[in-house]
Amino acid sequence: GTKSFPQTLPLEKGEVVLTFDDGPWPHTTAAIL
Protein backbone atom coordinates (compact mmCIF):
# COMPACT_ATOMS: atom_id res chain seq x y z
CA GLY A 1 0.00 0.00 0.00
CA THR A 2 1.90 3.00 -1.31
CA LYS A 3 0.41 5.46 1.18
CA SER A 4 2.49 3.63 3.83
CA PHE A 5 5.06 1.44 2.08
CA PRO A 6 7.32 1.55 -0.99
CA GLN A 7 5.40 -1.23 -2.75
CA THR A 8 1.84 -2.41 -3.31
CA LEU A 9 0.10 -5.53 -4.59
CA PRO A 10 1.19 -6.69 -8.07
CA LEU A 11 -1.92 -5.34 -9.80
CA GLU A 12 -2.39 -4.58 -13.45
CA LYS A 13 -3.51 -1.14 -14.58
CA GLY A 14 -7.24 -0.75 -13.99
CA GLU A 15 -7.42 -3.31 -11.18
CA VAL A 16 -8.95 -2.31 -7.84
CA VAL A 17 -8.94 -4.04 -4.45
CA LEU A 18 -11.87 -2.99 -2.25
CA THR A 19 -11.25 -2.74 1.50
CA PHE A 20 -13.45 -1.55 4.36
CA ASP A 21 -12.34 -0.61 7.88
CA ASP A 22 -13.86 -0.35 11.38
CA GLY A 23 -16.93 -2.59 11.10
CA PRO A 24 -19.05 -4.44 11.42
CA TRP A 25 -21.62 -1.73 12.12
CA PRO A 26 -25.43 -1.82 12.28
CA HIS A 27 -27.24 -1.03 9.02
CA THR A 28 -24.25 0.34 7.07
CA THR A 29 -22.28 -2.91 6.87
CA ALA A 30 -25.37 -4.82 5.79
CA ALA A 31 -26.17 -2.21 3.14
CA ILE A 32 -22.63 -2.45 1.75
CA LEU A 33 -22.84 -6.24 1.71
PDB file of all heavy atoms in Angstrom:
ATOM      1  N   GLY A   1       0.844  -1.191   0.000  1.00  0.00           N
ATOM      2  CA  GLY A   1       0.000   0.000   0.000  1.00  0.00           C
ATOM      3  C   GLY A   1       0.871   1.230   0.000  1.00  0.00           C
ATOM      4  O   GLY A   1       1.549   1.537   0.989  1.00  0.00           O
ATOM      5  N   THR A   2       0.899   1.958  -1.113  1.00  0.00           N
ATOM      6  CA  THR A   2       1.900   3.003  -1.306  1.00  0.00           C
ATOM      7  C   THR A   2       1.694   4.241  -0.444  1.00  0.00           C
ATOM      8  O   THR A   2       2.587   5.098  -0.390  1.00  0.00           O
ATOM      9  CB  THR A   2       1.948   3.425  -2.786  1.00  0.00           C
ATOM     10  OG1 THR A   2       0.622   3.763  -3.231  1.00  0.00           O
ATOM     11  CG2 THR A   2       2.474   2.289  -3.646  1.00  0.00           C
ATOM     12  N   LYS A   3       0.563   4.363   0.224  1.00  0.00           N
ATOM     13  CA  LYS A   3       0.413   5.458   1.180  1.00  0.00           C
ATOM     14  C   LYS A   3       1.275   5.231   2.426  1.00  0.00           C
ATOM     15  O   LYS A   3       1.549   6.168   3.176  1.00  0.00           O
ATOM     16  CB  LYS A   3      -1.056   5.609   1.599  1.00  0.00           C
ATOM     17  CG  LYS A   3      -1.960   6.182   0.522  1.00  0.00           C
ATOM     18  CD  LYS A   3      -1.671   7.642   0.267  1.00  0.00           C
ATOM     19  CE  LYS A   3      -2.713   8.268  -0.652  1.00  0.00           C
ATOM     20  NZ  LYS A   3      -2.428   9.691  -0.923  1.00  0.00           N
ATOM     21  N   SER A   4       1.694   3.966   2.641  1.00  0.00           N
ATOM     22  CA  SER A   4       2.485   3.630   3.827  1.00  0.00           C
ATOM     23  C   SER A   4       3.809   2.962   3.509  1.00  0.00           C
ATOM     24  O   SER A   4       4.751   3.073   4.297  1.00  0.00           O
ATOM     25  CB  SER A   4       1.681   2.700   4.743  1.00  0.00           C
ATOM     26  OG  SER A   4       0.459   3.283   5.146  1.00  0.00           O
ATOM     27  N   PHE A   5       3.896   2.262   2.380  1.00  0.00           N
ATOM     28  CA  PHE A   5       5.059   1.436   2.077  1.00  0.00           C
ATOM     29  C   PHE A   5       5.555   1.714   0.658  1.00  0.00           C
ATOM     30  O   PHE A   5       4.830   2.265  -0.169  1.00  0.00           O
ATOM     31  CB  PHE A   5       4.697  -0.046   2.236  1.00  0.00           C
ATOM     32  CG  PHE A   5       4.140  -0.392   3.597  1.00  0.00           C
ATOM     33  CD1 PHE A   5       2.796  -0.709   3.757  1.00  0.00           C
ATOM     34  CD2 PHE A   5       4.953  -0.368   4.723  1.00  0.00           C
ATOM     35  CE1 PHE A   5       2.277  -1.010   5.009  1.00  0.00           C
ATOM     36  CE2 PHE A   5       4.446  -0.667   5.976  1.00  0.00           C
ATOM     37  CZ  PHE A   5       3.106  -0.986   6.126  1.00  0.00           C
ATOM     38  N   PRO A   6       6.784   1.293   0.350  1.00  0.00           N
ATOM     39  CA  PRO A   6       7.320   1.553  -0.990  1.00  0.00           C
ATOM     40  C   PRO A   6       6.630   0.760  -2.087  1.00  0.00           C
ATOM     41  O   PRO A   6       6.715   1.118  -3.254  1.00  0.00           O
ATOM     42  CB  PRO A   6       8.795   1.134  -0.867  1.00  0.00           C
ATOM     43  CG  PRO A   6       9.089   1.115   0.597  1.00  0.00           C
ATOM     44  CD  PRO A   6       7.807   0.736   1.261  1.00  0.00           C
ATOM     45  N   GLN A   7       5.974  -0.356  -1.738  1.00  0.00           N
ATOM     46  CA  GLN A   7       5.397  -1.226  -2.752  1.00  0.00           C
ATOM     47  C   GLN A   7       3.913  -1.483  -2.464  1.00  0.00           C
ATOM     48  O   GLN A   7       3.423  -1.223  -1.370  1.00  0.00           O
ATOM     49  CB  GLN A   7       6.139  -2.570  -2.810  1.00  0.00           C
ATOM     50  CG  GLN A   7       6.020  -3.425  -1.541  1.00  0.00           C
ATOM     51  CD  GLN A   7       6.880  -2.931  -0.410  1.00  0.00           C
ATOM     52  OE1 GLN A   7       8.011  -2.509  -0.635  1.00  0.00           O
ATOM     53  NE2 GLN A   7       6.364  -2.980   0.817  1.00  0.00           N
ATOM     54  N   THR A   8       3.229  -2.025  -3.481  1.00  0.00           N
ATOM     55  CA  THR A   8       1.839  -2.411  -3.310  1.00  0.00           C
ATOM     56  C   THR A   8       1.640  -3.797  -3.905  1.00  0.00           C
ATOM     57  O   THR A   8       2.610  -4.471  -4.289  1.00  0.00           O
ATOM     58  CB  THR A   8       0.889  -1.380  -3.933  1.00  0.00           C
ATOM     59  OG1 THR A   8      -0.456  -1.675  -3.512  1.00  0.00           O
ATOM     60  CG2 THR A   8       0.971  -1.361  -5.444  1.00  0.00           C
ATOM     61  N   LEU A   9       0.392  -4.237  -3.986  1.00  0.00           N
ATOM     62  CA  LEU A   9       0.100  -5.526  -4.591  1.00  0.00           C
ATOM     63  C   LEU A   9       0.468  -5.499  -6.077  1.00  0.00           C
ATOM     64  O   LEU A   9       0.399  -4.445  -6.716  1.00  0.00           O
ATOM     65  CB  LEU A   9      -1.386  -5.857  -4.444  1.00  0.00           C
ATOM     66  CG  LEU A   9      -1.911  -6.040  -3.025  1.00  0.00           C
ATOM     67  CD1 LEU A   9      -3.440  -6.148  -3.042  1.00  0.00           C
ATOM     68  CD2 LEU A   9      -1.303  -7.275  -2.369  1.00  0.00           C
ATOM     69  N   PRO A  10       0.843  -6.641  -6.641  1.00  0.00           N
ATOM     70  CA  PRO A  10       1.194  -6.691  -8.070  1.00  0.00           C
ATOM     71  C   PRO A  10      -0.070  -6.678  -8.931  1.00  0.00           C
ATOM     72  O   PRO A  10      -0.480  -7.695  -9.494  1.00  0.00           O
ATOM     73  CB  PRO A  10       1.972  -8.001  -8.193  1.00  0.00           C
ATOM     74  CG  PRO A  10       1.404  -8.865  -7.112  1.00  0.00           C
ATOM     75  CD  PRO A  10       1.075  -7.942  -5.974  1.00  0.00           C
ATOM     76  N   LEU A  11      -0.679  -5.512  -9.035  1.00  0.00           N
ATOM     77  CA  LEU A  11      -1.916  -5.344  -9.797  1.00  0.00           C
ATOM     78  C   LEU A  11      -1.609  -4.809 -11.189  1.00  0.00           C
ATOM     79  O   LEU A  11      -0.646  -4.076 -11.394  1.00  0.00           O
ATOM     80  CB  LEU A  11      -2.852  -4.375  -9.071  1.00  0.00           C
ATOM     81  CG  LEU A  11      -3.282  -4.762  -7.656  1.00  0.00           C
ATOM     82  CD1 LEU A  11      -4.066  -3.625  -7.002  1.00  0.00           C
ATOM     83  CD2 LEU A  11      -4.107  -6.050  -7.668  1.00  0.00           C
ATOM     84  N   GLU A  12      -2.480  -5.146 -12.111  1.00  0.00           N
ATOM     85  CA  GLU A  12      -2.393  -4.576 -13.450  1.00  0.00           C
ATOM     86  C   GLU A  12      -3.120  -3.235 -13.464  1.00  0.00           C
ATOM     87  O   GLU A  12      -3.949  -2.939 -12.597  1.00  0.00           O
ATOM     88  CB  GLU A  12      -3.010  -5.540 -14.460  1.00  0.00           C
ATOM     89  CG  GLU A  12      -2.309  -6.887 -14.528  1.00  0.00           C
ATOM     90  CD  GLU A  12      -3.052  -7.895 -15.393  1.00  0.00           C
ATOM     91  OE1 GLU A  12      -4.069  -7.497 -16.008  1.00  0.00           O
ATOM     92  OE2 GLU A  12      -2.638  -9.060 -15.435  1.00  0.00           O
ATOM     93  N   LYS A  13      -2.831  -2.420 -14.443  1.00  0.00           N
ATOM     94  CA  LYS A  13      -3.511  -1.137 -14.576  1.00  0.00           C
ATOM     95  C   LYS A  13      -5.011  -1.376 -14.712  1.00  0.00           C
ATOM     96  O   LYS A  13      -5.454  -2.247 -15.462  1.00  0.00           O
ATOM     97  CB  LYS A  13      -2.985  -0.363 -15.782  1.00  0.00           C
ATOM     98  CG  LYS A  13      -3.570   1.050 -15.890  1.00  0.00           C
ATOM     99  CD  LYS A  13      -2.918   1.833 -16.993  1.00  0.00           C
ATOM    100  CE  LYS A  13      -3.521   3.241 -17.135  1.00  0.00           C
ATOM    101  NZ  LYS A  13      -3.399   4.031 -15.900  1.00  0.00           N
ATOM    102  N   GLY A  14      -5.791  -0.624 -13.947  1.00  0.00           N
ATOM    103  CA  GLY A  14      -7.239  -0.751 -13.993  1.00  0.00           C
ATOM    104  C   GLY A  14      -7.802  -1.737 -12.995  1.00  0.00           C
ATOM    105  O   GLY A  14      -9.023  -1.922 -12.943  1.00  0.00           O
ATOM    106  N   GLU A  15      -6.942  -2.368 -12.188  1.00  0.00           N
ATOM    107  CA  GLU A  15      -7.424  -3.312 -11.181  1.00  0.00           C
ATOM    108  C   GLU A  15      -7.550  -2.615  -9.821  1.00  0.00           C
ATOM    109  O   GLU A  15      -6.697  -1.821  -9.436  1.00  0.00           O
ATOM    110  CB  GLU A  15      -6.485  -4.511 -11.074  1.00  0.00           C
ATOM    111  CG  GLU A  15      -6.548  -5.408 -12.304  1.00  0.00           C
ATOM    112  CD  GLU A  15      -5.765  -6.692 -12.151  1.00  0.00           C
ATOM    113  OE1 GLU A  15      -4.758  -6.702 -11.402  1.00  0.00           O
ATOM    114  OE2 GLU A  15      -6.151  -7.687 -12.790  1.00  0.00           O
ATOM    115  N   VAL A  16      -8.623  -2.954  -9.113  1.00  0.00           N
ATOM    116  CA  VAL A  16      -8.947  -2.313  -7.844  1.00  0.00           C
ATOM    117  C   VAL A  16      -9.205  -3.382  -6.794  1.00  0.00           C
ATOM    118  O   VAL A  16      -9.901  -4.378  -7.058  1.00  0.00           O
ATOM    119  CB  VAL A  16     -10.203  -1.422  -7.980  1.00  0.00           C
ATOM    120  CG1 VAL A  16     -10.516  -0.724  -6.664  1.00  0.00           C
ATOM    121  CG2 VAL A  16     -10.022  -0.397  -9.080  1.00  0.00           C
ATOM    122  N   VAL A  17      -8.652  -3.188  -5.605  1.00  0.00           N
ATOM    123  CA  VAL A  17      -8.937  -4.040  -4.445  1.00  0.00           C
ATOM    124  C   VAL A  17      -9.770  -3.217  -3.469  1.00  0.00           C
ATOM    125  O   VAL A  17      -9.337  -2.137  -3.027  1.00  0.00           O
ATOM    126  CB  VAL A  17      -7.638  -4.526  -3.772  1.00  0.00           C
ATOM    127  CG1 VAL A  17      -7.957  -5.285  -2.483  1.00  0.00           C
ATOM    128  CG2 VAL A  17      -6.840  -5.403  -4.732  1.00  0.00           C
ATOM    129  N   LEU A  18     -10.959  -3.704  -3.123  1.00  0.00           N
ATOM    130  CA  LEU A  18     -11.871  -2.988  -2.245  1.00  0.00           C
ATOM    131  C   LEU A  18     -11.638  -3.403  -0.798  1.00  0.00           C
ATOM    132  O   LEU A  18     -11.669  -4.603  -0.480  1.00  0.00           O
ATOM    133  CB  LEU A  18     -13.322  -3.285  -2.625  1.00  0.00           C
ATOM    134  CG  LEU A  18     -13.723  -3.006  -4.075  1.00  0.00           C
ATOM    135  CD1 LEU A  18     -15.172  -3.416  -4.306  1.00  0.00           C
ATOM    136  CD2 LEU A  18     -13.518  -1.542  -4.421  1.00  0.00           C
ATOM    137  N   THR A  19     -11.412  -2.436   0.081  1.00  0.00           N
ATOM    138  CA  THR A  19     -11.249  -2.736   1.503  1.00  0.00           C
ATOM    139  C   THR A  19     -12.101  -1.780   2.325  1.00  0.00           C
ATOM    140  O   THR A  19     -12.301  -0.622   1.956  1.00  0.00           O
ATOM    141  CB  THR A  19      -9.775  -2.618   1.942  1.00  0.00           C
ATOM    142  OG1 THR A  19      -9.353  -1.254   1.904  1.00  0.00           O
ATOM    143  CG2 THR A  19      -8.862  -3.468   1.064  1.00  0.00           C
ATOM    144  N   PHE A  20     -12.592  -2.302   3.454  1.00  0.00           N
ATOM    145  CA  PHE A  20     -13.452  -1.549   4.361  1.00  0.00           C
ATOM    146  C   PHE A  20     -12.939  -1.712   5.792  1.00  0.00           C
ATOM    147  O   PHE A  20     -12.670  -2.827   6.230  1.00  0.00           O
ATOM    148  CB  PHE A  20     -14.897  -2.044   4.275  1.00  0.00           C
ATOM    149  CG  PHE A  20     -15.545  -1.834   2.936  1.00  0.00           C
ATOM    150  CD1 PHE A  20     -15.402  -2.784   1.923  1.00  0.00           C
ATOM    151  CD2 PHE A  20     -16.278  -0.689   2.671  1.00  0.00           C
ATOM    152  CE1 PHE A  20     -15.991  -2.593   0.678  1.00  0.00           C
ATOM    153  CE2 PHE A  20     -16.869  -0.485   1.428  1.00  0.00           C
ATOM    154  CZ  PHE A  20     -16.721  -1.432   0.435  1.00  0.00           C
ATOM    155  N   ASP A  21     -12.838  -0.601   6.510  1.00  0.00           N
ATOM    156  CA  ASP A  21     -12.335  -0.605   7.885  1.00  0.00           C
ATOM    157  C   ASP A  21     -13.438  -0.331   8.897  1.00  0.00           C
ATOM    158  O   ASP A  21     -14.462   0.289   8.582  1.00  0.00           O
ATOM    159  CB  ASP A  21     -11.274   0.481   8.063  1.00  0.00           C
ATOM    160  CG  ASP A  21      -9.932   0.105   7.477  1.00  0.00           C
ATOM    161  OD1 ASP A  21      -9.841  -0.926   6.792  1.00  0.00           O
ATOM    162  OD2 ASP A  21      -8.957   0.854   7.698  1.00  0.00           O
ATOM    163  N   ASP A  22     -13.178  -0.774  10.141  1.00  0.00           N
ATOM    164  CA  ASP A  22     -13.864  -0.347  11.378  1.00  0.00           C
ATOM    165  C   ASP A  22     -15.153  -1.083  11.691  1.00  0.00           C
ATOM    166  O   ASP A  22     -15.704  -0.892  12.777  1.00  0.00           O
ATOM    167  CB  ASP A  22     -14.157   1.159  11.386  1.00  0.00           C
ATOM    168  CG  ASP A  22     -12.917   2.015  11.493  1.00  0.00           C
ATOM    169  OD1 ASP A  22     -11.811   1.448  11.534  1.00  0.00           O
ATOM    170  OD2 ASP A  22     -13.047   3.246  11.537  1.00  0.00           O
ATOM    171  N   GLY A  23     -15.678  -1.887  10.817  1.00  0.00           N
ATOM    172  CA  GLY A  23     -16.929  -2.588  11.100  1.00  0.00           C
ATOM    173  C   GLY A  23     -16.699  -3.831  11.946  1.00  0.00           C
ATOM    174  O   GLY A  23     -15.605  -4.018  12.503  1.00  0.00           O
ATOM    175  N   PRO A  24     -17.735  -4.645  12.024  1.00  0.00           N
ATOM    176  CA  PRO A  24     -19.045  -4.437  11.419  1.00  0.00           C
ATOM    177  C   PRO A  24     -19.898  -3.452  12.223  1.00  0.00           C
ATOM    178  O   PRO A  24     -19.738  -3.343  13.434  1.00  0.00           O
ATOM    179  CB  PRO A  24     -19.662  -5.838  11.434  1.00  0.00           C
ATOM    180  CG  PRO A  24     -19.021  -6.515  12.605  1.00  0.00           C
ATOM    181  CD  PRO A  24     -17.623  -5.973  12.674  1.00  0.00           C
ATOM    182  N   TRP A  25     -20.807  -2.776  11.499  1.00  0.00           N
ATOM    183  CA  TRP A  25     -21.618  -1.733  12.116  1.00  0.00           C
ATOM    184  C   TRP A  25     -23.075  -1.926  11.714  1.00  0.00           C
ATOM    185  O   TRP A  25     -23.345  -2.351  10.590  1.00  0.00           O
ATOM    186  CB  TRP A  25     -21.116  -0.365  11.670  1.00  0.00           C
ATOM    187  CG  TRP A  25     -21.515   0.758  12.576  1.00  0.00           C
ATOM    188  CD1 TRP A  25     -22.388   1.769  12.304  1.00  0.00           C
ATOM    189  CD2 TRP A  25     -21.048   0.976  13.913  1.00  0.00           C
ATOM    190  NE1 TRP A  25     -22.502   2.604  13.378  1.00  0.00           N
ATOM    191  CE2 TRP A  25     -21.677   2.142  14.392  1.00  0.00           C
ATOM    192  CE3 TRP A  25     -20.155   0.306  14.746  1.00  0.00           C
ATOM    193  CZ2 TRP A  25     -21.455   2.656  15.662  1.00  0.00           C
ATOM    194  CZ3 TRP A  25     -19.923   0.809  16.011  1.00  0.00           C
ATOM    195  CH2 TRP A  25     -20.563   1.964  16.459  1.00  0.00           C
ATOM    196  N   PRO A  26     -24.015  -1.621  12.618  1.00  0.00           N
ATOM    197  CA  PRO A  26     -25.429  -1.822  12.278  1.00  0.00           C
ATOM    198  C   PRO A  26     -25.815  -1.035  11.028  1.00  0.00           C
ATOM    199  O   PRO A  26     -25.402   0.114  10.850  1.00  0.00           O
ATOM    200  CB  PRO A  26     -26.170  -1.300  13.511  1.00  0.00           C
ATOM    201  CG  PRO A  26     -25.174  -1.350  14.617  1.00  0.00           C
ATOM    202  CD  PRO A  26     -23.835  -1.101  13.989  1.00  0.00           C
ATOM    203  N   HIS A  27     -26.631  -1.650  10.192  1.00  0.00           N
ATOM    204  CA  HIS A  27     -27.236  -1.031   9.020  1.00  0.00           C
ATOM    205  C   HIS A  27     -26.225  -0.763   7.896  1.00  0.00           C
ATOM    206  O   HIS A  27     -26.441  -1.202   6.763  1.00  0.00           O
ATOM    207  CB  HIS A  27     -27.976   0.260   9.383  1.00  0.00           C
ATOM    208  CG  HIS A  27     -28.934   0.112  10.516  1.00  0.00           C
ATOM    209  ND1 HIS A  27     -29.969  -0.803  10.500  1.00  0.00           N
ATOM    210  CD2 HIS A  27     -28.993   0.737  11.719  1.00  0.00           C
ATOM    211  CE1 HIS A  27     -30.643  -0.735  11.638  1.00  0.00           C
ATOM    212  NE2 HIS A  27     -30.061   0.185  12.402  1.00  0.00           N
ATOM    213  N   THR A  28     -25.142  -0.041   8.167  1.00  0.00           N
ATOM    214  CA  THR A  28     -24.245   0.344   7.073  1.00  0.00           C
ATOM    215  C   THR A  28     -23.481  -0.855   6.507  1.00  0.00           C
ATOM    216  O   THR A  28     -23.340  -0.977   5.284  1.00  0.00           O
ATOM    217  CB  THR A  28     -23.253   1.423   7.537  1.00  0.00           C
ATOM    218  OG1 THR A  28     -22.607   0.996   8.739  1.00  0.00           O
ATOM    219  CG2 THR A  28     -23.983   2.736   7.799  1.00  0.00           C
ATOM    220  N   THR A  29     -22.995  -1.741   7.374  1.00  0.00           N
ATOM    221  CA  THR A  29     -22.275  -2.912   6.873  1.00  0.00           C
ATOM    222  C   THR A  29     -23.209  -3.784   6.051  1.00  0.00           C
ATOM    223  O   THR A  29     -22.840  -4.261   4.962  1.00  0.00           O
ATOM    224  CB  THR A  29     -21.661  -3.712   8.029  1.00  0.00           C
ATOM    225  OG1 THR A  29     -20.696  -2.909   8.710  1.00  0.00           O
ATOM    226  CG2 THR A  29     -20.979  -4.981   7.523  1.00  0.00           C
ATOM    227  N   ALA A  30     -24.409  -3.994   6.529  1.00  0.00           N
ATOM    228  CA  ALA A  30     -25.373  -4.816   5.792  1.00  0.00           C
ATOM    229  C   ALA A  30     -25.707  -4.196   4.439  1.00  0.00           C
ATOM    230  O   ALA A  30     -25.830  -4.903   3.423  1.00  0.00           O
ATOM    231  CB  ALA A  30     -26.640  -5.002   6.625  1.00  0.00           C
ATOM    232  N   ALA A  31     -25.851  -2.875   4.403  1.00  0.00           N
ATOM    233  CA  ALA A  31     -26.165  -2.206   3.138  1.00  0.00           C
ATOM    234  C   ALA A  31     -25.024  -2.365   2.140  1.00  0.00           C
ATOM    235  O   ALA A  31     -25.252  -2.580   0.935  1.00  0.00           O
ATOM    236  CB  ALA A  31     -26.451  -0.733   3.389  1.00  0.00           C
ATOM    237  N   ILE A  32     -23.788  -2.261   2.635  1.00  0.00           N
ATOM    238  CA  ILE A  32     -22.630  -2.447   1.750  1.00  0.00           C
ATOM    239  C   ILE A  32     -22.557  -3.892   1.262  1.00  0.00           C
ATOM    240  O   ILE A  32     -22.288  -4.142   0.078  1.00  0.00           O
ATOM    241  CB  ILE A  32     -21.345  -2.010   2.476  1.00  0.00           C
ATOM    242  CG1 ILE A  32     -21.325  -0.477   2.582  1.00  0.00           C
ATOM    243  CG2 ILE A  32     -20.099  -2.524   1.744  1.00  0.00           C
ATOM    244  CD1 ILE A  32     -20.259   0.064   3.497  1.00  0.00           C
ATOM    245  N   LEU A  33     -22.822  -4.840   2.126  1.00  0.00           N
ATOM    246  CA  LEU A  33     -22.839  -6.239   1.706  1.00  0.00           C
ATOM    247  C   LEU A  33     -23.915  -6.486   0.650  1.00  0.00           C
ATOM    248  O   LEU A  33     -23.696  -7.228  -0.308  1.00  0.00           O
ATOM    249  CB  LEU A  33     -23.052  -7.153   2.913  1.00  0.00           C
ATOM    250  CG  LEU A  33     -21.862  -7.280   3.868  1.00  0.00           C
ATOM    251  CD1 LEU A  33     -22.268  -8.013   5.140  1.00  0.00           C
ATOM    252  CD2 LEU A  33     -20.693  -7.984   3.192  1.00  0.00           C
TER     253      LEU A  33
END
